Structures are given as C-alpha cells and as structure tokens.
Amino acid sequence: MRSKFTKQQKFDMVMECRNSGLSDYMWCKKHDIQSSTFYSWVKQLKRDGANVPDRTYAEDYHIDSKPDIVKLEIVDELPAEKPPVVQQLPSNNCASIVEMAKAHELNIYEYIKYILSQRPSKDWSDEQLETIAPWRRDVIEKCKR
C-alpha cells in the first residue's frame, strides 16, 4: 500500500533534505524514499508555486557504501628481492592486487583507488611500478586499514 503524504508534509521533507547538508540521493536513501518520488514532489511543489531551493550539483556524484571490487592481476615477474609476504603467495607469476593488499593489511578499496590515481600504464618501468607496491612504507601509510 502506498503512503500518502499531504502537500505540507512533502514540502517539509523536501526542505529538510535541502537544508540537511546531504545530497538529495543520500537523504532519500537515509529516509527510505525513492529519489524519483522525491523529485516528483519537488516538481509538483515548484509547479504549485512553492519556493523550493535548488540542489547543488556536487550531489550528483555519490559513493556507494559497497564499492564494486575489480580483480586486477600483476602478470610480470616479481622483483628478485621479494618481501616475505610475497613469497607466501602462489608462485604462478600472477598475484592478485587484492591478495597483495590483504597480505599487507591494506584497505583494499583505498589501495586500488591509490593505484588508479597514479595512472599506471603498460609502459611503466619496474622502478615506476615499485612506487605503487603494497609493501612500500608510504603506500602502507596512505592505504592502511
């Protein structure tokens, strides 16, 4: 059964959302309201002459609480001086980035975000790839759990 809200209740909820500091998306998610329903209320209220503040466009971007996890693999041989944790991984010359991040107790999401922010390419030298290795102290500091 659909919940019915009065025009005043809809206005109050829209104003609460717009003054909350949350994006429309996050406010609707928090209050279990479909964003399409929320926007139809806004449209209806504006059509009826209500003074509804515009949304800020930074809210168009939201981060889900459960980001997609993408498995990436390193296919080149590991450096000769392998840290002890690397030696424990399967020796098929393919170690999952996720497994490496876990082995070094990194926040997997933060580590993958860090790697992608560095924009590595297939043309990177071994020295360049070493700068984003999960066993480096600076990487551990940026991506620790």
C-alpha atoms as a PDB file:
ATOM      1  CA  MET A   1       0.000   0.000   0.000  1.00  0.00           C
ATOM      2  CA  ARG A   2       1.347   3.419  -0.938  1.00  0.00           C
ATOM      3  CA  SER A   3       1.990   6.011   1.728  1.00  0.00           C
ATOM      4  CA  LYS A   4       0.136   9.249   1.145  1.00  0.00           C
ATOM      5  CA  PHE A   5       1.690  12.486   2.238  1.00  0.00           C
ATOM      6  CA  THR A   6      -0.012  15.839   2.314  1.00  0.00           C
ATOM      7  CA  LYS A   7       1.412  18.685   0.265  1.00  0.00           C
ATOM      8  CA  GLN A   8       2.695  20.258   3.513  1.00  0.00           C
ATOM      9  CA  GLN A   9       4.433  17.000   4.554  1.00  0.00           C
ATOM     10  CA  LYS A  10       6.090  16.748   1.137  1.00  0.00           C
ATOM     11  CA  PHE A  11       7.233  20.383   1.375  1.00  0.00           C
ATOM     12  CA  ASP A  12       8.589  19.826   4.889  1.00  0.00           C
ATOM     13  CA  MET A  13      10.534  16.740   3.776  1.00  0.00           C
ATOM     14  CA  VAL A  14      11.970  18.499   0.704  1.00  0.00           C
ATOM     15  CA  MET A  15      13.054  21.442   2.863  1.00  0.00           C
ATOM     16  CA  GLU A  16      14.545  19.086   5.476  1.00  0.00           C
ATOM     17  CA  CYS A  17      16.529  17.377   2.712  1.00  0.00           C
ATOM     18  CA  ARG A  18      17.771  20.580   1.092  1.00  0.00           C
ATOM     19  CA  ASN A  19      18.832  22.001   4.477  1.00  0.00           C
ATOM     20  CA  SER A  20      20.410  18.769   5.759  1.00  0.00           C
ATOM     21  CA  GLY A  21      23.781  19.161   4.061  1.00  0.00           C
ATOM     22  CA  LEU A  22      23.284  15.737   2.467  1.00  0.00           C
ATOM     23  CA  SER A  23      22.817  15.191  -1.226  1.00  0.00           C
ATOM     24  CA  ASP A  24      19.246  14.501  -2.327  1.00  0.00           C
ATOM     25  CA  TYR A  25      20.333  10.944  -3.106  1.00  0.00           C
ATOM     26  CA  MET A  26      21.853  10.301   0.326  1.00  0.00           C
ATOM     27  CA  TRP A  27      18.937  11.944   2.174  1.00  0.00           C
ATOM     28  CA  CYS A  28      16.407   9.842   0.230  1.00  0.00           C
ATOM     29  CA  LYS A  29      18.439   6.703   0.868  1.00  0.00           C
ATOM     30  CA  LYS A  30      18.619   7.504   4.592  1.00  0.00           C
ATOM     31  CA  HIS A  31      14.829   8.069   4.760  1.00  0.00           C
ATOM     32  CA  ASP A  32      13.915   5.124   2.523  1.00  0.00           C
ATOM     33  CA  ILE A  33      12.325   7.304  -0.152  1.00  0.00           C
ATOM     34  CA  GLN A  34      12.799   6.646  -3.849  1.00  0.00           C
ATOM     35  CA  SER A  35      14.686   9.549  -5.415  1.00  0.00           C
ATOM     36  CA  SER A  36      12.248   9.540  -8.356  1.00  0.00           C
ATOM     37  CA  THR A  37       9.391  10.067  -5.882  1.00  0.00           C
ATOM     38  CA  PHE A  38      11.330  12.858  -4.175  1.00  0.00           C
ATOM     39  CA  TYR A  39      11.971  14.648  -7.480  1.00  0.00           C
ATOM     40  CA  SER A  40       8.316  14.346  -8.491  1.00  0.00           C
ATOM     41  CA  TRP A  41       7.439  16.071  -5.196  1.00  0.00           C
ATOM     42  CA  VAL A  42       9.924  18.863  -5.982  1.00  0.00           C
ATOM     43  CA  LYS A  43       8.483  19.293  -9.476  1.00  0.00           C
ATOM     44  CA  GLN A  44       4.899  19.314  -8.162  1.00  0.00           C
ATOM     45  CA  LEU A  45       5.726  21.798  -5.377  1.00  0.00           C
ATOM     46  CA  LYS A  46       7.506  24.164  -7.784  1.00  0.00           C
ATOM     47  CA  ARG A  47       4.615  23.920 -10.237  1.00  0.00           C
ATOM     48  CA  ASP A  48       2.262  24.881  -7.383  1.00  0.00           C
ATOM     49  CA  GLY A  49       4.420  27.941  -6.633  1.00  0.00           C
ATOM     50  CA  ALA A  50       6.366  26.728  -3.588  1.00  0.00           C
ATOM     51  CA  ASN A  51       9.783  28.295  -3.011  1.00  0.00           C
ATOM     52  CA  VAL A  52      11.958  25.162  -3.111  1.00  0.00           C
ATOM     53  CA  PRO A  53      15.741  25.723  -3.106  1.00  0.00           C
ATOM     54  CA  ASP A  54      17.705  24.218  -5.970  1.00  0.00           C
ATOM     55  CA  ARG A  55      20.012  21.326  -5.288  1.00  0.00           C
ATOM     56  CA  THR A  56      23.768  21.661  -5.528  1.00  0.00           C
ATOM     57  CA  TYR A  57      25.300  19.709  -8.363  1.00  0.00           C
ATOM     58  CA  ALA A  58      28.086  18.206  -6.268  1.00  0.00           C
ATOM     59  CA  GLU A  59      25.407  15.838  -5.046  1.00  0.00           C
ATOM     60  CA  ASP A  60      25.073  14.232  -8.454  1.00  0.00           C
ATOM     61  CA  TYR A  61      28.080  12.161  -7.525  1.00  0.00           C
ATOM     62  CA  HIS A  62      27.697   9.631  -4.766  1.00  0.00           C
ATOM     63  CA  ILE A  63      29.815   6.810  -3.489  1.00  0.00           C
ATOM     64  CA  ASP A  64      28.017   3.616  -2.665  1.00  0.00           C
ATOM     65  CA  SER A  65      28.803   2.204   0.727  1.00  0.00           C
ATOM     66  CA  LYS A  66      29.798  -1.048  -1.001  1.00  0.00           C
ATOM     67  CA  PRO A  67      32.016  -0.192  -3.949  1.00  0.00           C
ATOM     68  CA  ASP A  68      32.460  -2.649  -6.787  1.00  0.00           C
ATOM     69  CA  ILE A  69      35.605  -4.699  -6.398  1.00  0.00           C
ATOM     70  CA  VAL A  70      37.596  -5.330  -9.525  1.00  0.00           C
ATOM     71  CA  LYS A  71      40.217  -8.049  -9.600  1.00  0.00           C
ATOM     72  CA  LEU A  72      43.448  -6.856 -11.183  1.00  0.00           C
ATOM     73  CA  GLU A  73      46.451  -9.074 -11.668  1.00  0.00           C
ATOM     74  CA  ILE A  74      50.169  -8.434 -11.948  1.00  0.00           C
ATOM     75  CA  VAL A  75      51.482 -10.515 -14.813  1.00  0.00           C
ATOM     76  CA  ASP A  76      55.150  -9.519 -14.836  1.00  0.00           C
ATOM     77  CA  GLU A  77      57.635 -11.391 -12.692  1.00  0.00           C
ATOM     78  CA  LEU A  78      58.021 -10.133  -9.154  1.00  0.00           C
ATOM     79  CA  PRO A  79      61.269  -8.351  -8.221  1.00  0.00           C
ATOM     80  CA  ALA A  80      64.172 -10.514  -7.076  1.00  0.00           C
ATOM     81  CA  GLU A  81      64.011  -9.099  -3.534  1.00  0.00           C
ATOM     82  CA  LYS A  82      60.530 -10.302  -2.646  1.00  0.00           C
ATOM     83  CA  PRO A  83      59.225  -9.291   0.742  1.00  0.00           C
ATOM     84  CA  PRO A  84      58.423 -12.310   2.960  1.00  0.00           C
ATOM     85  CA  VAL A  85      54.677 -11.939   2.417  1.00  0.00           C
ATOM     86  CA  VAL A  86      55.086 -12.093  -1.359  1.00  0.00           C
ATOM     87  CA  GLN A  87      56.988 -15.383  -1.052  1.00  0.00           C
ATOM     88  CA  GLN A  88      53.941 -16.945   0.636  1.00  0.00           C
ATOM     89  CA  LEU A  89      51.711 -16.289  -2.381  1.00  0.00           C
ATOM     90  CA  PRO A  90      51.248 -18.838  -5.185  1.00  0.00           C
ATOM     91  CA  SER A  91      54.262 -18.920  -7.499  1.00  0.00           C
ATOM     92  CA  ASN A  92      52.338 -18.720 -10.776  1.00  0.00           C
ATOM     93  CA  ASN A  93      53.738 -15.213 -11.511  1.00  0.00           C
ATOM     94  CA  CYS A  94      50.205 -13.834 -11.134  1.00  0.00           C
ATOM     95  CA  ALA A  95      49.423 -12.367  -7.749  1.00  0.00           C
ATOM     96  CA  SER A  96      46.108 -10.635  -7.351  1.00  0.00           C
ATOM     97  CA  ILE A  97      46.336  -6.996  -6.303  1.00  0.00           C
ATOM     98  CA  VAL A  98      43.562  -7.708  -3.830  1.00  0.00           C
ATOM     99  CA  GLU A  99      45.510 -10.618  -2.326  1.00  0.00           C
ATOM    100  CA  MET A 100      48.624  -8.448  -2.100  1.00  0.00           C
ATOM    101  CA  ALA A 101      46.685  -5.653  -0.383  1.00  0.00           C
ATOM    102  CA  LYS A 102      45.201  -8.156   2.087  1.00  0.00           C
ATOM    103  CA  ALA A 103      48.602  -9.698   2.755  1.00  0.00           C
ATOM    104  CA  HIS A 104      49.991  -6.278   3.654  1.00  0.00           C
ATOM    105  CA  GLU A 105      46.909  -5.380   5.719  1.00  0.00           C
ATOM    106  CA  LEU A 106      45.856  -2.520   3.449  1.00  0.00           C
ATOM    107  CA  ASN A 107      42.355  -1.195   2.917  1.00  0.00           C
ATOM    108  CA  ILE A 108      41.662  -2.827  -0.458  1.00  0.00           C
ATOM    109  CA  TYR A 109      39.382  -0.064  -1.729  1.00  0.00           C
ATOM    110  CA  GLU A 110      41.859   2.663  -0.748  1.00  0.00           C
ATOM    111  CA  TYR A 111      44.767   0.749  -2.326  1.00  0.00           C
ATOM    112  CA  ILE A 112      43.002   0.237  -5.666  1.00  0.00           C
ATOM    113  CA  LYS A 113      41.877   3.882  -5.608  1.00  0.00           C
ATOM    114  CA  TYR A 114      45.523   4.881  -4.948  1.00  0.00           C
ATOM    115  CA  ILE A 115      46.827   2.711  -7.798  1.00  0.00           C
ATOM    116  CA  LEU A 116      44.287   4.148 -10.241  1.00  0.00           C
ATOM    117  CA  SER A 117      45.106   7.698  -9.126  1.00  0.00           C
ATOM    118  CA  GLN A 118      48.715   7.073 -10.206  1.00  0.00           C
ATOM    119  CA  ARG A 119      47.525   6.104 -13.695  1.00  0.00           C
ATOM    120  CA  PRO A 120      49.986   3.277 -14.347  1.00  0.00           C
ATOM    121  CA  SER A 121      50.450   2.134 -17.922  1.00  0.00           C
ATOM    122  CA  LYS A 122      51.943  -0.899 -19.607  1.00  0.00           C
ATOM    123  CA  ASP A 123      54.938   1.284 -20.482  1.00  0.00           C
ATOM    124  CA  TRP A 124      55.933   1.808 -16.837  1.00  0.00           C
ATOM    125  CA  SER A 125      59.375   0.586 -15.871  1.00  0.00           C
ATOM    126  CA  ASP A 126      59.904  -1.784 -12.941  1.00  0.00           C
ATOM    127  CA  GLU A 127      61.129   1.172 -10.889  1.00  0.00           C
ATOM    128  CA  GLN A 128      57.916   3.069 -11.561  1.00  0.00           C
ATOM    129  CA  LEU A 129      55.772   0.052 -10.677  1.00  0.00           C
ATOM    130  CA  GLU A 130      57.744  -0.339  -7.464  1.00  0.00           C
ATOM    131  CA  THR A 131      56.458   3.095  -6.344  1.00  0.00           C
ATOM    132  CA  ILE A 132      52.911   1.700  -6.033  1.00  0.00           C
ATOM    133  CA  ALA A 133      53.875  -1.641  -4.476  1.00  0.00           C
ATOM    134  CA  PRO A 134      51.819  -2.567  -1.387  1.00  0.00           C
ATOM    135  CA  TRP A 135      54.899  -3.217   0.758  1.00  0.00           C
ATOM    136  CA  ARG A 136      56.252   0.342   0.469  1.00  0.00           C
ATOM    137  CA  ARG A 137      56.006   2.348   3.692  1.00  0.00           C
ATOM    138  CA  ASP A 138      54.444   5.399   2.027  1.00  0.00           C
ATOM    139  CA  VAL A 139      51.792   3.240   0.329  1.00  0.00           C
ATOM    140  CA  ILE A 140      51.045   1.455   3.611  1.00  0.00           C
ATOM    141  CA  GLU A 141      50.576   4.826   5.345  1.00  0.00           C
ATOM    142  CA  LYS A 142      48.154   6.047   2.642  1.00  0.00           C
ATOM    143  CA  CYS A 143      46.151   2.827   2.424  1.00  0.00           C
ATOM    144  CA  LYS A 144      46.255   1.164   5.837  1.00  0.00           C
ATOM    145  CA  ARG A 145      43.072  -0.282   7.308  1.00  0.00           C
END
